Amino acid sequence: MPISNIEENLELARNRLVELDRKERTTEESTTEESTTTAEESSKIVIFSDVSLERYRKFRGGGELKRFNIYVRLVRGEVIAYEIPSPVHASVAAILSHLLLLWSNRHLVVYSELDITVGTTSEYCTDIAAEPRQTPPPTPGSVLQPTIIIEVARTETLNSLDSLTVDYFNLTQVYLAIKIFDRRQDSTAAMLAILYLRNNQVPNPALNVPNPPPNTPPMITLANTTPNLAISFGTAPLNHQSTAFINNTGISIGRLTGFLQCTDIACTAAGMQNYQITIPANLLFMPQVVPTGVPNNFTIDLWEVQQEALYHL
């Protein structure tokens, strides 16, 4: 289907993103315990349908997107608007790229806003993607093989972030989603880090009961579309709607942690054990050969991310 009425449709999409952001701000101020995902489910903003990959690329290169200042991706033939560029989005993506590059001692090539084709009619623009540095360098036109993809969301919904797992795990080993919510009237803000792993093993919850059966395996394997770990690391507890959404993903018991209720210990300083994301180095270097001098784990102190986000919110 030809893409037509481009400016009109982009303006409508941007207006809907602004409205989505306004509704999220209202939700952040709500104190009622609503266990609903209606807003998440209805938030997909389709600009065009039945679009080929070739036509989408021509559209992306046309310049209209820069004028209307929105992020889009092609998802199974639909051009979907999902994010409005903002200082907080850019700064959080920048600090995560910097941390990844420094930790790897430049043995990872770190890309920003990289277009990745994930299907015959799907192409996503990743906020951050990284792959091991190759010797000799790959030839021009070679298909990139990222081992980690990171998405940062300010306007983008949790449902949208979660939906990317199906396609990303055709390519990568690790997918990390960071969601920054709007400031509340008291100047606090909720934030959420969601870690997905291709080989998604978690501690077996059966071991948490008294006298578990003998030979109970210490770890169990879940679908890689299920979060391995989710940490609420903002200066406000996660709202009830977001908590319900994460619990409904099938996340293992005890794997949604952090500042969930006012009585929980918040992320207030660097180095707090419960606010670290730890990713084994062998997941980021394939075929699991970690270069000399690279630490065993890539650890993200979420306090650093929180502070960067708060500065720009």
C-alpha atoms as a PDB file:
ATOM      1  CA  MET A   1       0.000   0.000   0.000  1.00  0.00           C
ATOM      2  CA  PRO A   2       1.449   3.433  -0.904  1.00  0.00           C
ATOM      3  CA  ILE A   3       2.286   5.806   1.917  1.00  0.00           C
ATOM      4  CA  SER A   4       0.143   8.935   1.532  1.00  0.00           C
ATOM      5  CA  ASN A   5      -0.916  11.968   3.577  1.00  0.00           C
ATOM      6  CA  ILE A   6       2.436  11.693   5.325  1.00  0.00           C
ATOM      7  CA  GLU A   7       2.436  15.014   7.161  1.00  0.00           C
ATOM      8  CA  GLU A   8      -1.163  14.655   8.323  1.00  0.00           C
ATOM      9  CA  ASN A   9      -0.607  11.128   9.629  1.00  0.00           C
ATOM     10  CA  LEU A  10       2.657  12.033  11.358  1.00  0.00           C
ATOM     11  CA  GLU A  11       1.015  14.990  13.065  1.00  0.00           C
ATOM     12  CA  LEU A  12      -1.819  12.753  14.265  1.00  0.00           C
ATOM     13  CA  ALA A  13       0.712  10.197  15.538  1.00  0.00           C
ATOM     14  CA  ARG A  14       2.670  12.818  17.447  1.00  0.00           C
ATOM     15  CA  ASN A  15      -0.532  14.183  18.988  1.00  0.00           C
ATOM     16  CA  ARG A  16      -1.456  10.678  20.116  1.00  0.00           C
ATOM     17  CA  LEU A  17       1.989  10.195  21.667  1.00  0.00           C
ATOM     18  CA  VAL A  18       1.572  13.471  23.552  1.00  0.00           C
ATOM     19  CA  GLU A  19      -1.856  12.327  24.743  1.00  0.00           C
ATOM     20  CA  LEU A  20      -0.409   8.956  25.777  1.00  0.00           C
ATOM     21  CA  ASP A  21       2.232  10.775  27.790  1.00  0.00           C
ATOM     22  CA  ARG A  22      -0.451  12.907  29.454  1.00  0.00           C
ATOM     23  CA  LYS A  23      -2.453   9.810  30.417  1.00  0.00           C
ATOM     24  CA  GLU A  24       0.648   8.164  31.842  1.00  0.00           C
ATOM     25  CA  ARG A  25       1.296  11.272  33.925  1.00  0.00           C
ATOM     26  CA  THR A  26      -2.236  11.000  35.303  1.00  0.00           C
ATOM     27  CA  THR A  27      -1.671   7.323  36.096  1.00  0.00           C
ATOM     28  CA  GLU A  28       1.550   8.189  37.928  1.00  0.00           C
ATOM     29  CA  GLU A  29      -0.384  10.555  40.191  1.00  0.00           C
ATOM     30  CA  SER A  30      -3.115   7.982  40.908  1.00  0.00           C
ATOM     31  CA  THR A  31      -3.009   6.181  44.246  1.00  0.00           C
ATOM     32  CA  THR A  32      -5.784   3.689  43.512  1.00  0.00           C
ATOM     33  CA  GLU A  33      -4.855   0.043  43.192  1.00  0.00           C
ATOM     34  CA  GLU A  34      -5.934  -0.636  39.637  1.00  0.00           C
ATOM     35  CA  SER A  35      -4.894  -3.963  38.168  1.00  0.00           C
ATOM     36  CA  THR A  36      -5.582  -3.163  34.537  1.00  0.00           C
ATOM     37  CA  THR A  37      -3.614  -3.227  31.307  1.00  0.00           C
ATOM     38  CA  THR A  38      -6.265  -1.534  29.165  1.00  0.00           C
ATOM     39  CA  ALA A  39      -4.143   1.544  28.539  1.00  0.00           C
ATOM     40  CA  GLU A  40      -1.167  -0.611  27.602  1.00  0.00           C
ATOM     41  CA  GLU A  41      -3.162  -2.743  25.206  1.00  0.00           C
ATOM     42  CA  SER A  42      -4.762   0.190  23.359  1.00  0.00           C
ATOM     43  CA  SER A  43      -1.670   2.357  23.040  1.00  0.00           C
ATOM     44  CA  LYS A  44      -0.259   1.056  19.718  1.00  0.00           C
ATOM     45  CA  ILE A  45      -0.128   3.966  17.283  1.00  0.00           C
ATOM     46  CA  VAL A  46      -0.225   2.720  13.688  1.00  0.00           C
ATOM     47  CA  ILE A  47       0.629   5.403  11.119  1.00  0.00           C
ATOM     48  CA  PHE A  48       0.561   3.245   7.958  1.00  0.00           C
ATOM     49  CA  SER A  49      -0.297  -0.391   7.193  1.00  0.00           C
ATOM     50  CA  ASP A  50       0.757  -2.919   4.532  1.00  0.00           C
ATOM     51  CA  VAL A  51       4.150  -1.243   4.075  1.00  0.00           C
ATOM     52  CA  SER A  52       7.049  -3.121   2.485  1.00  0.00           C
ATOM     53  CA  LEU A  53      10.572  -2.954   3.895  1.00  0.00           C
ATOM     54  CA  GLU A  54      11.775  -1.104   0.794  1.00  0.00           C
ATOM     55  CA  ARG A  55       9.013   1.489   1.021  1.00  0.00           C
ATOM     56  CA  TYR A  56       9.613   1.948   4.731  1.00  0.00           C
ATOM     57  CA  ARG A  57      13.300   2.679   4.168  1.00  0.00           C
ATOM     58  CA  LYS A  58      12.446   5.300   1.564  1.00  0.00           C
ATOM     59  CA  PHE A  59      10.008   6.835   4.028  1.00  0.00           C
ATOM     60  CA  ARG A  60      12.636   6.857   6.797  1.00  0.00           C
ATOM     61  CA  GLY A  61      15.052   8.669   4.510  1.00  0.00           C
ATOM     62  CA  GLY A  62      12.549  11.280   3.395  1.00  0.00           C
ATOM     63  CA  GLY A  63      13.071  13.794   6.197  1.00  0.00           C
ATOM     64  CA  GLU A  64       9.480  14.047   7.424  1.00  0.00           C
ATOM     65  CA  LEU A  65      10.269  12.221  10.667  1.00  0.00           C
ATOM     66  CA  LYS A  66      12.817  14.843  11.699  1.00  0.00           C
ATOM     67  CA  ARG A  67      10.263  17.610  11.252  1.00  0.00           C
ATOM     68  CA  PHE A  68       7.696  15.851  13.418  1.00  0.00           C
ATOM     69  CA  ASN A  69      10.256  14.597  15.952  1.00  0.00           C
ATOM     70  CA  ILE A  70       9.007  11.061  16.625  1.00  0.00           C
ATOM     71  CA  TYR A  71      10.529   7.588  16.588  1.00  0.00           C
ATOM     72  CA  VAL A  72       8.924   4.913  14.420  1.00  0.00           C
ATOM     73  CA  ARG A  73       9.568   1.251  13.619  1.00  0.00           C
ATOM     74  CA  LEU A  74       8.224  -1.175  11.021  1.00  0.00           C
ATOM     75  CA  VAL A  75       6.451  -4.097  12.702  1.00  0.00           C
ATOM     76  CA  ARG A  76       5.060  -6.764  10.377  1.00  0.00           C
ATOM     77  CA  GLY A  77       4.129  -4.229   7.739  1.00  0.00           C
ATOM     78  CA  GLU A  78       2.812  -1.572  10.130  1.00  0.00           C
ATOM     79  CA  VAL A  79       4.653   1.708  10.675  1.00  0.00           C
ATOM     80  CA  ILE A  80       4.248   2.327  14.403  1.00  0.00           C
ATOM     81  CA  ALA A  81       5.058   5.504  16.346  1.00  0.00           C
ATOM     82  CA  TYR A  82       6.344   4.726  19.833  1.00  0.00           C
ATOM     83  CA  GLU A  83       8.541   7.470  21.297  1.00  0.00           C
ATOM     84  CA  ILE A  84       9.096  11.232  21.340  1.00  0.00           C
ATOM     85  CA  PRO A  85      12.781  12.236  21.493  1.00  0.00           C
ATOM     86  CA  SER A  86      13.646  13.951  24.773  1.00  0.00           C
ATOM     87  CA  PRO A  87      16.705  14.957  26.809  1.00  0.00           C
ATOM     88  CA  VAL A  88      16.071  12.203  29.366  1.00  0.00           C
ATOM     89  CA  HIS A  89      15.814   9.532  26.662  1.00  0.00           C
ATOM     90  CA  ALA A  90      19.006  10.730  24.977  1.00  0.00           C
ATOM     91  CA  SER A  91      21.028  11.123  28.178  1.00  0.00           C
ATOM     92  CA  VAL A  92      20.121   7.727  29.649  1.00  0.00           C
ATOM     93  CA  ALA A  93      20.940   6.024  26.342  1.00  0.00           C
ATOM     94  CA  ALA A  94      24.244   7.906  26.226  1.00  0.00           C
ATOM     95  CA  ILE A  95      25.359   6.918  29.726  1.00  0.00           C
ATOM     96  CA  LEU A  96      24.487   3.252  29.129  1.00  0.00           C
ATOM     97  CA  SER A  97      26.461   3.270  25.864  1.00  0.00           C
ATOM     98  CA  HIS A  98      29.393   4.855  27.691  1.00  0.00           C
ATOM     99  CA  LEU A  99      29.303   2.286  30.506  1.00  0.00           C
ATOM    100  CA  LEU A 100      29.184  -0.594  28.033  1.00  0.00           C
ATOM    101  CA  LEU A 101      32.105   0.753  26.008  1.00  0.00           C
ATOM    102  CA  LEU A 102      34.276   1.402  29.076  1.00  0.00           C
ATOM    103  CA  TRP A 103      33.531  -1.963  30.678  1.00  0.00           C
ATOM    104  CA  SER A 104      34.432  -3.878  27.513  1.00  0.00           C
ATOM    105  CA  ASN A 105      37.694  -1.953  27.126  1.00  0.00           C
ATOM    106  CA  ARG A 106      36.452  -1.228  23.578  1.00  0.00           C
ATOM    107  CA  HIS A 107      36.257  -4.931  22.748  1.00  0.00           C
ATOM    108  CA  LEU A 108      32.582  -4.319  22.015  1.00  0.00           C
ATOM    109  CA  VAL A 109      31.495  -2.100  19.145  1.00  0.00           C
ATOM    110  CA  VAL A 110      28.627  -0.035  20.549  1.00  0.00           C
ATOM    111  CA  TYR A 111      26.059   1.426  18.156  1.00  0.00           C
ATOM    112  CA  SER A 112      23.433   4.103  18.805  1.00  0.00           C
ATOM    113  CA  GLU A 113      20.131   4.282  16.907  1.00  0.00           C
ATOM    114  CA  LEU A 114      21.040   1.309  14.741  1.00  0.00           C
ATOM    115  CA  ASP A 115      18.481   0.025  12.228  1.00  0.00           C
ATOM    116  CA  ILE A 116      18.129  -3.749  12.540  1.00  0.00           C
ATOM    117  CA  THR A 117      16.067  -5.853  10.156  1.00  0.00           C
ATOM    118  CA  VAL A 118      14.252  -8.528  12.163  1.00  0.00           C
ATOM    119  CA  GLY A 119      11.937  -9.910   9.470  1.00  0.00           C
ATOM    120  CA  THR A 120      10.836  -9.516   5.873  1.00  0.00           C
ATOM    121  CA  THR A 121       8.470  -6.698   6.881  1.00  0.00           C
ATOM    122  CA  SER A 122       9.988  -5.595  10.205  1.00  0.00           C
ATOM    123  CA  GLU A 123      12.814  -3.186  10.984  1.00  0.00           C
ATOM    124  CA  TYR A 124      13.589  -1.620  14.361  1.00  0.00           C
ATOM    125  CA  CYS A 125      15.825   1.294  15.318  1.00  0.00           C
ATOM    126  CA  THR A 126      17.578   0.160  18.494  1.00  0.00           C
ATOM    127  CA  ASP A 127      18.669   2.736  21.054  1.00  0.00           C
ATOM    128  CA  ILE A 128      21.826   0.729  21.791  1.00  0.00           C
ATOM    129  CA  ALA A 129      23.239  -2.416  20.199  1.00  0.00           C
ATOM    130  CA  ALA A 130      26.685  -3.918  20.701  1.00  0.00           C
ATOM    131  CA  GLU A 131      28.658  -6.725  19.109  1.00  0.00           C
ATOM    132  CA  PRO A 132      32.193  -8.077  19.681  1.00  0.00           C
ATOM    133  CA  ARG A 133      34.909  -6.253  17.754  1.00  0.00           C
ATOM    134  CA  GLN A 134      36.134  -8.471  14.919  1.00  0.00           C
ATOM    135  CA  THR A 135      39.656  -8.908  13.539  1.00  0.00           C
ATOM    136  CA  PRO A 136      39.779  -8.250  10.655  1.00  0.00           C
ATOM    137  CA  PRO A 137      36.753  -5.912  10.561  1.00  0.00           C
ATOM    138  CA  PRO A 138      33.644  -7.221   8.797  1.00  0.00           C
ATOM    139  CA  THR A 139      33.286  -6.374   5.135  1.00  0.00           C
ATOM    140  CA  PRO A 140      30.889  -3.570   4.122  1.00  0.00           C
ATOM    141  CA  GLY A 141      27.321  -4.839   3.976  1.00  0.00           C
ATOM    142  CA  SER A 142      27.883  -7.633   6.487  1.00  0.00           C
ATOM    143  CA  VAL A 143      24.943  -8.463   8.749  1.00  0.00           C
ATOM    144  CA  LEU A 144      25.532  -7.208  12.270  1.00  0.00           C
ATOM    145  CA  GLN A 145      25.353  -9.738  15.101  1.00  0.00           C
ATOM    146  CA  PRO A 146      24.616  -7.830  18.311  1.00  0.00           C
ATOM    147  CA  THR A 147      24.933  -9.728  21.563  1.00  0.00           C
ATOM    148  CA  ILE A 148      23.087  -7.090  23.587  1.00  0.00           C
ATOM    149  CA  ILE A 149      20.317  -4.642  22.729  1.00  0.00           C
ATOM    150  CA  ILE A 150      19.169  -1.886  25.092  1.00  0.00           C
ATOM    151  CA  GLU A 151      16.000   0.169  24.706  1.00  0.00           C
ATOM    152  CA  VAL A 152      15.275   3.310  26.711  1.00  0.00           C
ATOM    153  CA  ALA A 153      11.649   4.425  27.001  1.00  0.00           C
ATOM    154  CA  ARG A 154      10.170   7.704  28.112  1.00  0.00           C
ATOM    155  CA  THR A 155       6.917   7.757  26.123  1.00  0.00           C
ATOM    156  CA  GLU A 156       7.047   4.137  24.928  1.00  0.00           C
ATOM    157  CA  THR A 157       4.847   1.772  26.945  1.00  0.00           C
ATOM    158  CA  LEU A 158       5.839  -1.335  28.872  1.00  0.00           C
ATOM    159  CA  ASN A 159       3.722  -3.410  26.519  1.00  0.00           C
ATOM    160  CA  SER A 160       5.664  -2.087  23.535  1.00  0.00           C
ATOM    161  CA  LEU A 161       9.020  -2.781  25.187  1.00  0.00           C
ATOM    162  CA  ASP A 162       7.939  -6.296  26.120  1.00  0.00           C
ATOM    163  CA  SER A 163       6.664  -7.053  22.610  1.00  0.00           C
ATOM    164  CA  LEU A 164      10.152  -6.604  21.126  1.00  0.00           C
ATOM    165  CA  THR A 165      11.504  -9.780  22.732  1.00  0.00           C
ATOM    166  CA  VAL A 166      10.060 -12.128  20.104  1.00  0.00           C
ATOM    167  CA  ASP A 167      12.049 -10.495  17.312  1.00  0.00           C
ATOM    168  CA  TYR A 168      15.141  -9.448  19.248  1.00  0.00           C
ATOM    169  CA  PHE A 169      15.926 -12.975  20.382  1.00  0.00           C
ATOM    170  CA  ASN A 170      16.281 -14.029  16.766  1.00  0.00           C
ATOM    171  CA  LEU A 171      19.445 -11.917  16.909  1.00  0.00           C
ATOM    172  CA  THR A 172      20.808 -11.330  20.370  1.00  0.00           C
ATOM    173  CA  GLN A 173      21.614 -12.892  23.753  1.00  0.00           C
ATOM    174  CA  VAL A 174      20.586 -10.065  26.081  1.00  0.00           C
ATOM    175  CA  TYR A 175      17.825  -7.462  25.878  1.00  0.00           C
ATOM    176  CA  LEU A 176      17.577  -4.755  28.528  1.00  0.00           C
ATOM    177  CA  ALA A 177      14.651  -2.318  28.674  1.00  0.00           C
ATOM    178  CA  ILE A 178      14.760   0.852  30.773  1.00  0.00           C
ATOM    179  CA  LYS A 179      11.477   2.686  31.376  1.00  0.00           C
ATOM    180  CA  ILE A 180      11.525   6.210  32.824  1.00  0.00           C
ATOM    181  CA  PHE A 181       8.178   7.477  34.094  1.00  0.00           C
ATOM    182  CA  ASP A 182       7.239  11.143  34.446  1.00  0.00           C
ATOM    183  CA  ARG A 183       7.893  13.159  37.584  1.00  0.00           C
ATOM    184  CA  ARG A 184       5.085  13.214  40.113  1.00  0.00           C
ATOM    185  CA  GLN A 185       3.858  16.324  41.910  1.00  0.00           C
ATOM    186  CA  ASP A 186       6.296  15.658  44.760  1.00  0.00           C
ATOM    187  CA  SER A 187       9.184  15.644  42.200  1.00  0.00           C
ATOM    188  CA  THR A 188       9.816  11.906  42.578  1.00  0.00           C
ATOM    189  CA  ALA A 189       9.788   9.561  39.589  1.00  0.00           C
ATOM    190  CA  ALA A 190       9.376   5.817  39.137  1.00  0.00           C
ATOM    191  CA  MET A 191      11.870   3.925  36.966  1.00  0.00           C
ATOM    192  CA  LEU A 192      12.026   0.300  35.897  1.00  0.00           C
ATOM    193  CA  ALA A 193      14.792  -1.898  34.478  1.00  0.00           C
ATOM    194  CA  ILE A 194      13.687  -5.147  32.803  1.00  0.00           C
ATOM    195  CA  LEU A 195      16.273  -7.768  31.861  1.00  0.00           C
ATOM    196  CA  TYR A 196      15.524 -10.488  29.301  1.00  0.00           C
ATOM    197  CA  LEU A 197      17.929 -13.334  28.492  1.00  0.00           C
ATOM    198  CA  ARG A 198      17.930 -15.691  25.523  1.00  0.00           C
ATOM    199  CA  ASN A 199      18.871 -18.535  27.874  1.00  0.00           C
ATOM    200  CA  ASN A 200      16.467 -17.515  30.604  1.00  0.00           C
ATOM    201  CA  GLN A 201      17.334 -19.392  33.778  1.00  0.00           C
ATOM    202  CA  VAL A 202      16.124 -18.264  37.203  1.00  0.00           C
ATOM    203  CA  PRO A 203      16.359 -19.686  40.744  1.00  0.00           C
ATOM    204  CA  ASN A 204      13.783 -22.404  41.297  1.00  0.00           C
ATOM    205  CA  PRO A 205      10.974 -20.997  43.503  1.00  0.00           C
ATOM    206  CA  ALA A 206      10.246 -24.552  44.685  1.00  0.00           C
ATOM    207  CA  LEU A 207      13.325 -24.229  46.889  1.00  0.00           C
ATOM    208  CA  ASN A 208      11.698 -21.398  48.853  1.00  0.00           C
ATOM    209  CA  VAL A 209       9.292 -23.710  50.680  1.00  0.00           C
ATOM    210  CA  PRO A 210      10.212 -25.626  53.844  1.00  0.00           C
ATOM    211  CA  ASN A 211      11.656 -29.073  53.166  1.00  0.00           C
ATOM    212  CA  PRO A 212      11.651 -29.012  49.353  1.00  0.00           C
ATOM    213  CA  PRO A 213      11.663 -32.412  47.627  1.00  0.00           C
ATOM    214  CA  PRO A 214      15.092 -33.996  47.242  1.00  0.00           C
ATOM    215  CA  ASN A 215      16.871 -33.439  43.936  1.00  0.00           C
ATOM    216  CA  THR A 216      14.893 -30.258  43.251  1.00  0.00           C
ATOM    217  CA  PRO A 217      16.908 -28.473  40.544  1.00  0.00           C
ATOM    218  CA  PRO A 218      18.393 -25.159  41.701  1.00  0.00           C
ATOM    219  CA  MET A 219      17.463 -23.386  38.452  1.00  0.00           C
ATOM    220  CA  ILE A 220      14.547 -23.541  36.036  1.00  0.00           C
ATOM    221  CA  THR A 221      14.309 -22.332  32.438  1.00  0.00           C
ATOM    222  CA  LEU A 222      11.598 -19.911  31.343  1.00  0.00           C
ATOM    223  CA  ALA A 223      10.664 -18.632  27.903  1.00  0.00           C
ATOM    224  CA  ASN A 224      13.015 -15.868  26.799  1.00  0.00           C
ATOM    225  CA  THR A 225       9.998 -13.614  26.260  1.00  0.00           C
ATOM    226  CA  THR A 226       9.512 -13.653  30.046  1.00  0.00           C
ATOM    227  CA  PRO A 227      11.594 -11.161  32.050  1.00  0.00           C
ATOM    228  CA  ASN A 228      14.528 -12.690  33.883  1.00  0.00           C
ATOM    229  CA  LEU A 229      14.582  -9.806  36.351  1.00  0.00           C
ATOM    230  CA  ALA A 230      12.776  -6.486  36.837  1.00  0.00           C
ATOM    231  CA  ILE A 231      13.968  -3.807  39.270  1.00  0.00           C
ATOM    232  CA  SER A 232      12.035  -0.691  40.270  1.00  0.00           C
ATOM    233  CA  PHE A 233      14.841   1.808  40.901  1.00  0.00           C
ATOM    234  CA  GLY A 234      13.261   5.269  40.887  1.00  0.00           C
ATOM    235  CA  THR A 235      12.650   7.706  43.709  1.00  0.00           C
ATOM    236  CA  ALA A 236       8.948   6.769  43.696  1.00  0.00           C
ATOM    237  CA  PRO A 237       7.501   3.258  44.017  1.00  0.00           C
ATOM    238  CA  LEU A 238       6.222   1.601  40.867  1.00  0.00           C
ATOM    239  CA  ASN A 239       2.541   2.337  40.253  1.00  0.00           C
ATOM    240  CA  HIS A 240       0.015  -0.482  40.596  1.00  0.00           C
ATOM    241  CA  GLN A 241      -0.761  -0.684  36.882  1.00  0.00           C
ATOM    242  CA  SER A 242       2.911  -1.178  35.962  1.00  0.00           C
ATOM    243  CA  THR A 243       3.396  -3.706  38.757  1.00  0.00           C
ATOM    244  CA  ALA A 244       0.386  -5.669  37.503  1.00  0.00           C
ATOM    245  CA  PHE A 245       1.708  -5.597  33.950  1.00  0.00           C
ATOM    246  CA  ILE A 246       5.085  -7.050  34.955  1.00  0.00           C
ATOM    247  CA  ASN A 247       3.480  -9.723  37.134  1.00  0.00           C
ATOM    248  CA  ASN A 248       1.233 -10.690  34.215  1.00  0.00           C
ATOM    249  CA  THR A 249       4.267 -11.419  32.014  1.00  0.00           C
ATOM    250  CA  GLY A 250       4.826 -14.633  33.962  1.00  0.00           C
ATOM    251  CA  ILE A 251       7.938 -13.348  35.720  1.00  0.00           C
ATOM    252  CA  SER A 252       9.149 -15.774  38.379  1.00  0.00           C
ATOM    253  CA  ILE A 253       8.196 -15.158  42.001  1.00  0.00           C
ATOM    254  CA  GLY A 254      10.660 -12.824  43.671  1.00  0.00           C
ATOM    255  CA  ARG A 255      12.167 -11.553  40.402  1.00  0.00           C
ATOM    256  CA  LEU A 256      10.291  -8.234  40.492  1.00  0.00           C
ATOM    257  CA  THR A 257      12.236  -6.323  43.124  1.00  0.00           C
ATOM    258  CA  GLY A 258      13.262  -2.879  44.290  1.00  0.00           C
ATOM    259  CA  PHE A 259      11.115   0.090  45.274  1.00  0.00           C
ATOM    260  CA  LEU A 260       7.628  -1.391  44.904  1.00  0.00           C
ATOM    261  CA  GLN A 261       5.957  -0.007  48.037  1.00  0.00           C
ATOM    262  CA  CYS A 262       6.583   3.008  50.230  1.00  0.00           C
ATOM    263  CA  THR A 263       7.964   0.721  52.942  1.00  0.00           C
ATOM    264  CA  ASP A 264      10.672  -0.701  50.643  1.00  0.00           C
ATOM    265  CA  ILE A 265      14.260   0.536  50.744  1.00  0.00           C
ATOM    266  CA  ALA A 266      14.654   2.929  47.816  1.00  0.00           C
ATOM    267  CA  CYS A 267      17.667   3.363  45.561  1.00  0.00           C
ATOM    268  CA  THR A 268      19.357   6.285  47.321  1.00  0.00           C
ATOM    269  CA  ALA A 269      23.093   5.768  46.817  1.00  0.00           C
ATOM    270  CA  ALA A 270      25.665   4.175  44.576  1.00  0.00           C
ATOM    271  CA  GLY A 271      26.618   0.560  45.152  1.00  0.00           C
ATOM    272  CA  MET A 272      23.390  -0.693  46.745  1.00  0.00           C
ATOM    273  CA  GLN A 273      23.354  -4.456  46.187  1.00  0.00           C
ATOM    274  CA  ASN A 274      19.658  -4.704  45.302  1.00  0.00           C
ATOM    275  CA  TYR A 275      19.999  -2.081  42.586  1.00  0.00           C
ATOM    276  CA  GLN A 276      22.613  -3.690  40.361  1.00  0.00           C
ATOM    277  CA  ILE A 277      22.016  -5.323  36.969  1.00  0.00           C
ATOM    278  CA  THR A 278      24.682  -7.994  36.441  1.00  0.00           C
ATOM    279  CA  ILE A 279      25.217  -9.553  33.001  1.00  0.00           C
ATOM    280  CA  PRO A 280      27.860 -12.301  32.585  1.00  0.00           C
ATOM    281  CA  ALA A 281      30.590 -11.326  30.131  1.00  0.00           C
ATOM    282  CA  ASN A 282      30.364 -14.620  28.248  1.00  0.00           C
ATOM    283  CA  LEU A 283      26.874 -13.660  27.045  1.00  0.00           C
ATOM    284  CA  LEU A 284      28.259 -10.564  25.348  1.00  0.00           C
ATOM    285  CA  PHE A 285      31.173 -12.213  23.564  1.00  0.00           C
ATOM    286  CA  MET A 286      30.484 -15.011  21.138  1.00  0.00           C
ATOM    287  CA  PRO A 287      31.457 -17.793  20.900  1.00  0.00           C
ATOM    288  CA  GLN A 288      31.851 -17.093  24.613  1.00  0.00           C
ATOM    289  CA  VAL A 289      35.517 -16.106  24.367  1.00  0.00           C
ATOM    290  CA  VAL A 290      35.933 -13.142  26.704  1.00  0.00           C
ATOM    291  CA  PRO A 291      38.958 -10.976  25.806  1.00  0.00           C
ATOM    292  CA  THR A 292      41.758 -10.670  28.325  1.00  0.00           C
ATOM    293  CA  GLY A 293      41.255  -7.760  30.682  1.00  0.00           C
ATOM    294  CA  VAL A 294      37.467  -7.638  30.414  1.00  0.00           C
ATOM    295  CA  PRO A 295      35.769  -8.127  33.836  1.00  0.00           C
ATOM    296  CA  ASN A 296      33.693 -11.263  34.357  1.00  0.00           C
ATOM    297  CA  ASN A 297      30.429  -9.319  34.597  1.00  0.00           C
ATOM    298  CA  PHE A 298      28.986  -6.174  33.084  1.00  0.00           C
ATOM    299  CA  THR A 299      27.377  -4.493  36.076  1.00  0.00           C
ATOM    300  CA  ILE A 300      25.057  -1.509  35.771  1.00  0.00           C
ATOM    301  CA  ASP A 301      24.614   0.484  38.960  1.00  0.00           C
ATOM    302  CA  LEU A 302      21.031   1.671  38.547  1.00  0.00           C
ATOM    303  CA  TRP A 303      21.671   4.611  40.859  1.00  0.00           C
ATOM    304  CA  GLU A 304      23.836   6.131  38.104  1.00  0.00           C
ATOM    305  CA  VAL A 305      21.005   5.688  35.610  1.00  0.00           C
ATOM    306  CA  GLN A 306      18.514   7.136  38.085  1.00  0.00           C
ATOM    307  CA  GLN A 307      20.606  10.228  38.718  1.00  0.00           C
ATOM    308  CA  GLU A 308      21.118  10.863  35.006  1.00  0.00           C
ATOM    309  CA  ALA A 309      17.391  10.520  34.370  1.00  0.00           C
ATOM    310  CA  LEU A 310      16.386  12.802  37.252  1.00  0.00           C
ATOM    311  CA  TYR A 311      18.693  15.548  36.009  1.00  0.00           C
ATOM    312  CA  HIS A 312      16.855  15.697  32.675  1.00  0.00           C
ATOM    313  CA  LEU A 313      13.252  14.950  33.698  1.00  0.00           C
END
